[in-house]
Amino acid sequence: MTAANPLRTHLDALPRLQSSEQARRLREALGYSRGAWQKLLAGEMACPMLSAMKLHVLTAGAVDAREMAPDLDWETVRAFAALFGAQIAWEGA
């Protein structure tokens, strides 16, 4: 990623202890290994669509899915979700 990593920005804005605990909870909720998590935080790996959506929900919108996965065509994602009756879990998505 060339732009600032929204996940890293979110975690850095929290007090140190809270940041560490939040990072652990998010990593475990997503099922990431420590190595994969570090790559995601460093911007060395692309954020998969479902992970971006989960991060958005788990952080109550503080980490925007569209910013985590800007290369995705979010219009297509919304259309696909609507086609199968899924509800997008964030406002304005």
N, C-alpha and C. Protein backbone atom coordinates (compact mmCIF):
# COMPACT_ATOMS: atom_id res chain seq x y z
N MET A 1 0.83 -1.18 0.00
CA MET A 1 0.00 0.00 0.00
C MET A 1 0.88 1.24 0.00
N THR A 2 0.53 2.17 -0.81
CA THR A 2 1.29 3.40 -0.84
C THR A 2 0.73 4.43 0.14
N ALA A 3 -0.58 4.44 0.32
CA ALA A 3 -1.21 5.36 1.28
C ALA A 3 -1.04 4.81 2.69
N ALA A 4 -1.35 5.65 3.66
CA ALA A 4 -1.27 5.22 5.05
C ALA A 4 -2.20 4.03 5.27
N ASN A 5 -1.74 3.08 6.03
CA ASN A 5 -2.52 1.89 6.34
C ASN A 5 -3.56 2.27 7.41
N PRO A 6 -4.86 2.22 7.08
CA PRO A 6 -5.88 2.64 8.03
C PRO A 6 -5.89 1.80 9.32
N LEU A 7 -5.55 0.54 9.21
CA LEU A 7 -5.49 -0.31 10.40
C LEU A 7 -4.36 0.14 11.31
N ARG A 8 -3.19 0.37 10.73
CA ARG A 8 -2.04 0.83 11.51
C ARG A 8 -2.35 2.20 12.15
N THR A 9 -2.97 3.09 11.38
CA THR A 9 -3.34 4.41 11.88
C THR A 9 -4.29 4.29 13.07
N HIS A 10 -5.27 3.41 12.95
CA HIS A 10 -6.24 3.19 14.03
C HIS A 10 -5.55 2.69 15.29
N LEU A 11 -4.70 1.69 15.14
CA LEU A 11 -4.02 1.12 16.30
C LEU A 11 -3.05 2.13 16.93
N ASP A 12 -2.37 2.90 16.09
CA ASP A 12 -1.42 3.89 16.61
C ASP A 12 -2.10 5.01 17.38
N ALA A 13 -3.37 5.26 17.08
CA ALA A 13 -4.11 6.33 17.76
C ALA A 13 -4.56 5.93 19.16
N LEU A 14 -4.52 4.65 19.45
CA LEU A 14 -4.96 4.16 20.76
C LEU A 14 -3.80 4.20 21.75
N PRO A 15 -4.11 4.30 23.06
CA PRO A 15 -3.04 4.18 24.06
C PRO A 15 -2.35 2.82 23.90
N ARG A 16 -1.09 2.75 24.24
CA ARG A 16 -0.26 1.57 23.95
C ARG A 16 -0.88 0.24 24.40
N LEU A 17 -1.32 0.15 25.65
CA LEU A 17 -1.89 -1.09 26.15
C LEU A 17 -3.17 -1.44 25.41
N GLN A 18 -4.01 -0.45 25.18
CA GLN A 18 -5.25 -0.67 24.45
C GLN A 18 -4.96 -1.08 23.01
N SER A 19 -3.97 -0.48 22.40
CA SER A 19 -3.58 -0.81 21.03
C SER A 19 -3.14 -2.26 20.92
N SER A 20 -2.33 -2.68 21.85
CA SER A 20 -1.83 -4.06 21.85
C SER A 20 -2.97 -5.06 22.01
N GLU A 21 -3.88 -4.77 22.93
CA GLU A 21 -5.01 -5.66 23.17
C GLU A 21 -5.96 -5.68 21.97
N GLN A 22 -6.22 -4.51 21.40
CA GLN A 22 -7.09 -4.43 20.23
C GLN A 22 -6.47 -5.18 19.05
N ALA A 23 -5.17 -5.02 18.85
CA ALA A 23 -4.49 -5.72 17.76
C ALA A 23 -4.61 -7.23 17.94
N ARG A 24 -4.43 -7.71 19.16
CA ARG A 24 -4.54 -9.15 19.43
C ARG A 24 -5.95 -9.64 19.14
N ARG A 25 -6.94 -8.91 19.62
CA ARG A 25 -8.34 -9.32 19.41
C ARG A 25 -8.70 -9.34 17.92
N LEU A 26 -8.27 -8.32 17.20
CA LEU A 26 -8.57 -8.27 15.76
C LEU A 26 -7.87 -9.41 15.02
N ARG A 27 -6.59 -9.63 15.34
CA ARG A 27 -5.84 -10.71 14.68
C ARG A 27 -6.51 -12.05 14.93
N GLU A 28 -6.91 -12.30 16.16
CA GLU A 28 -7.56 -13.58 16.48
C GLU A 28 -8.92 -13.69 15.81
N ALA A 29 -9.68 -12.61 15.77
CA ALA A 29 -11.00 -12.63 15.13
C ALA A 29 -10.90 -12.93 13.64
N LEU A 30 -9.83 -12.45 13.03
CA LEU A 30 -9.63 -12.70 11.60
C LEU A 30 -8.94 -14.03 11.33
N GLY A 31 -8.36 -14.64 12.37
CA GLY A 31 -7.68 -15.92 12.20
C GLY A 31 -6.32 -15.81 11.53
N TYR A 32 -5.67 -14.66 11.68
CA TYR A 32 -4.37 -14.45 11.06
C TYR A 32 -3.25 -14.97 11.95
N SER A 33 -2.22 -15.51 11.33
CA SER A 33 -1.01 -15.86 12.07
C SER A 33 -0.31 -14.54 12.42
N ARG A 34 0.62 -14.59 13.36
CA ARG A 34 1.35 -13.37 13.71
C ARG A 34 2.12 -12.81 12.50
N GLY A 35 2.70 -13.71 11.72
CA GLY A 35 3.46 -13.28 10.55
C GLY A 35 2.59 -12.57 9.52
N ALA A 36 1.42 -13.16 9.24
CA ALA A 36 0.50 -12.55 8.27
C ALA A 36 -0.02 -11.22 8.81
N TRP A 37 -0.29 -11.16 10.10
CA TRP A 37 -0.78 -9.92 10.72
C TRP A 37 0.26 -8.81 10.59
N GLN A 38 1.51 -9.14 10.85
CA GLN A 38 2.58 -8.14 10.73
C GLN A 38 2.70 -7.63 9.30
N LYS A 39 2.55 -8.53 8.33
CA LYS A 39 2.60 -8.12 6.93
C LYS A 39 1.43 -7.20 6.59
N LEU A 40 0.25 -7.50 7.12
CA LEU A 40 -0.91 -6.66 6.88
C LEU A 40 -0.70 -5.27 7.49
N LEU A 41 -0.20 -5.23 8.72
CA LEU A 41 0.05 -3.96 9.40
C LEU A 41 1.11 -3.13 8.68
N ALA A 42 2.10 -3.81 8.13
CA ALA A 42 3.20 -3.11 7.44
C ALA A 42 2.83 -2.72 6.01
N GLY A 43 1.67 -3.19 5.54
CA GLY A 43 1.27 -2.89 4.17
C GLY A 43 1.99 -3.75 3.15
N GLU A 44 2.56 -4.86 3.61
CA GLU A 44 3.30 -5.76 2.72
C GLU A 44 2.41 -6.80 2.06
N MET A 45 1.14 -6.86 2.48
CA MET A 45 0.21 -7.78 1.84
C MET A 45 -1.13 -7.08 1.67
N ALA A 46 -1.80 -7.42 0.60
CA ALA A 46 -3.11 -6.83 0.33
C ALA A 46 -4.12 -7.39 1.33
N CYS A 47 -5.06 -6.58 1.70
CA CYS A 47 -6.11 -7.00 2.63
C CYS A 47 -7.22 -7.66 1.82
N PRO A 48 -7.53 -8.92 2.11
CA PRO A 48 -8.64 -9.57 1.40
C PRO A 48 -9.97 -8.87 1.70
N MET A 49 -10.88 -8.96 0.78
CA MET A 49 -12.17 -8.28 0.89
C MET A 49 -12.89 -8.62 2.19
N LEU A 50 -13.02 -9.89 2.52
CA LEU A 50 -13.75 -10.26 3.73
C LEU A 50 -13.05 -9.76 4.99
N SER A 51 -11.74 -9.78 4.98
CA SER A 51 -11.01 -9.24 6.13
C SER A 51 -11.24 -7.75 6.28
N ALA A 52 -11.24 -7.04 5.16
CA ALA A 52 -11.50 -5.60 5.19
C ALA A 52 -12.88 -5.32 5.75
N MET A 53 -13.86 -6.10 5.33
CA MET A 53 -15.23 -5.91 5.81
C MET A 53 -15.33 -6.24 7.30
N LYS A 54 -14.67 -7.30 7.73
CA LYS A 54 -14.69 -7.66 9.15
C LYS A 54 -14.01 -6.60 10.00
N LEU A 55 -12.88 -6.08 9.53
CA LEU A 55 -12.19 -5.03 10.28
C LEU A 55 -13.09 -3.81 10.44
N HIS A 56 -13.81 -3.49 9.39
CA HIS A 56 -14.72 -2.34 9.43
C HIS A 56 -15.76 -2.54 10.53
N VAL A 57 -16.35 -3.72 10.56
CA VAL A 57 -17.39 -4.02 11.54
C VAL A 57 -16.80 -4.12 12.95
N LEU A 58 -15.69 -4.82 13.11
CA LEU A 58 -15.09 -5.03 14.43
C LEU A 58 -14.58 -3.74 15.07
N THR A 59 -14.25 -2.76 14.24
CA THR A 59 -13.76 -1.48 14.77
C THR A 59 -14.83 -0.40 14.72
N ALA A 60 -16.06 -0.79 14.50
CA ALA A 60 -17.19 0.14 14.43
C ALA A 60 -16.94 1.26 13.41
N GLY A 61 -16.32 0.90 12.30
CA GLY A 61 -16.09 1.85 11.22
C GLY A 61 -14.81 2.66 11.32
N ALA A 62 -14.06 2.49 12.40
CA ALA A 62 -12.80 3.24 12.55
C ALA A 62 -11.80 2.84 11.47
N VAL A 63 -11.84 1.59 11.05
CA VAL A 63 -11.00 1.11 9.95
C VAL A 63 -11.96 0.89 8.77
N ASP A 64 -11.88 1.75 7.78
CA ASP A 64 -12.79 1.70 6.65
C ASP A 64 -12.40 0.59 5.68
N ALA A 65 -13.36 -0.26 5.35
CA ALA A 65 -13.10 -1.38 4.45
C ALA A 65 -12.59 -0.92 3.09
N ARG A 66 -13.17 0.17 2.60
CA ARG A 66 -12.77 0.66 1.27
C ARG A 66 -11.35 1.17 1.26
N GLU A 67 -10.89 1.69 2.39
CA GLU A 67 -9.50 2.14 2.47
C GLU A 67 -8.54 0.96 2.66
N MET A 68 -9.00 -0.10 3.32
CA MET A 68 -8.15 -1.27 3.52
C MET A 68 -7.95 -2.05 2.22
N ALA A 69 -8.96 -2.02 1.38
CA ALA A 69 -8.88 -2.77 0.11
C ALA A 69 -9.32 -1.85 -1.04
N PRO A 70 -8.53 -0.80 -1.31
CA PRO A 70 -8.94 0.19 -2.32
C PRO A 70 -8.94 -0.35 -3.75
N ASP A 71 -8.25 -1.45 -3.99
CA ASP A 71 -8.18 -1.98 -5.34
C ASP A 71 -9.42 -2.78 -5.72
N LEU A 72 -10.30 -3.04 -4.76
CA LEU A 72 -11.51 -3.78 -5.06
C LEU A 72 -12.56 -2.86 -5.66
N ASP A 73 -13.38 -3.41 -6.52
CA ASP A 73 -14.50 -2.68 -7.09
C ASP A 73 -15.68 -2.84 -6.13
N TRP A 74 -15.84 -1.87 -5.23
CA TRP A 74 -16.85 -1.98 -4.18
C TRP A 74 -18.26 -1.93 -4.73
N GLU A 75 -18.47 -1.35 -5.90
CA GLU A 75 -19.79 -1.37 -6.53
C GLU A 75 -20.17 -2.82 -6.87
N THR A 76 -19.21 -3.58 -7.36
CA THR A 76 -19.46 -4.99 -7.68
C THR A 76 -19.72 -5.78 -6.41
N VAL A 77 -18.98 -5.47 -5.35
CA VAL A 77 -19.18 -6.15 -4.07
C VAL A 77 -20.60 -5.91 -3.57
N ARG A 78 -21.06 -4.66 -3.61
CA ARG A 78 -22.42 -4.33 -3.17
C ARG A 78 -23.47 -5.04 -4.04
N ALA A 79 -23.24 -5.06 -5.34
CA ALA A 79 -24.18 -5.71 -6.25
C ALA A 79 -24.24 -7.21 -5.96
N PHE A 80 -23.10 -7.81 -5.72
CA PHE A 80 -23.04 -9.25 -5.41
C PHE A 80 -23.78 -9.52 -4.11
N ALA A 81 -23.55 -8.68 -3.09
CA ALA A 81 -24.22 -8.86 -1.81
C ALA A 81 -25.73 -8.72 -1.97
N ALA A 82 -26.16 -7.74 -2.74
CA ALA A 82 -27.60 -7.53 -2.96
C ALA A 82 -28.21 -8.70 -3.71
N LEU A 83 -27.47 -9.24 -4.65
CA LEU A 83 -27.97 -10.37 -5.44
C LEU A 83 -28.27 -11.57 -4.57
N PHE A 84 -27.46 -11.79 -3.56
CA PHE A 84 -27.63 -12.95 -2.70
C PHE A 84 -28.31 -12.60 -1.38
N GLY A 85 -28.87 -11.40 -1.27
CA GLY A 85 -29.64 -11.04 -0.10
C GLY A 85 -28.82 -10.68 1.12
N ALA A 86 -27.51 -10.50 0.96
CA ALA A 86 -26.68 -10.14 2.09
C ALA A 86 -26.87 -8.66 2.40
N GLN A 87 -26.67 -8.29 3.65
CA GLN A 87 -26.77 -6.89 4.05
C GLN A 87 -25.38 -6.38 4.34
N ILE A 88 -25.01 -5.24 3.77
CA ILE A 88 -23.73 -4.63 4.05
C ILE A 88 -23.79 -4.06 5.47
N ALA A 89 -22.74 -4.36 6.26
CA ALA A 89 -22.78 -4.07 7.69
C ALA A 89 -22.21 -2.71 8.06
N TRP A 90 -22.06 -1.84 7.11
CA TRP A 90 -21.56 -0.53 7.47
C TRP A 90 -22.34 0.56 6.73
N GLU A 91 -22.38 1.70 7.32
CA GLU A 91 -23.13 2.82 6.77
C GLU A 91 -22.41 3.40 5.56
N GLY A 92 -23.14 3.63 4.53
CA GLY A 92 -22.61 4.30 3.36
C GLY A 92 -21.80 3.43 2.43
N ALA A 93 -21.73 2.16 2.69
CA ALA A 93 -20.92 1.29 1.85
C ALA A 93 -21.62 0.93 0.57
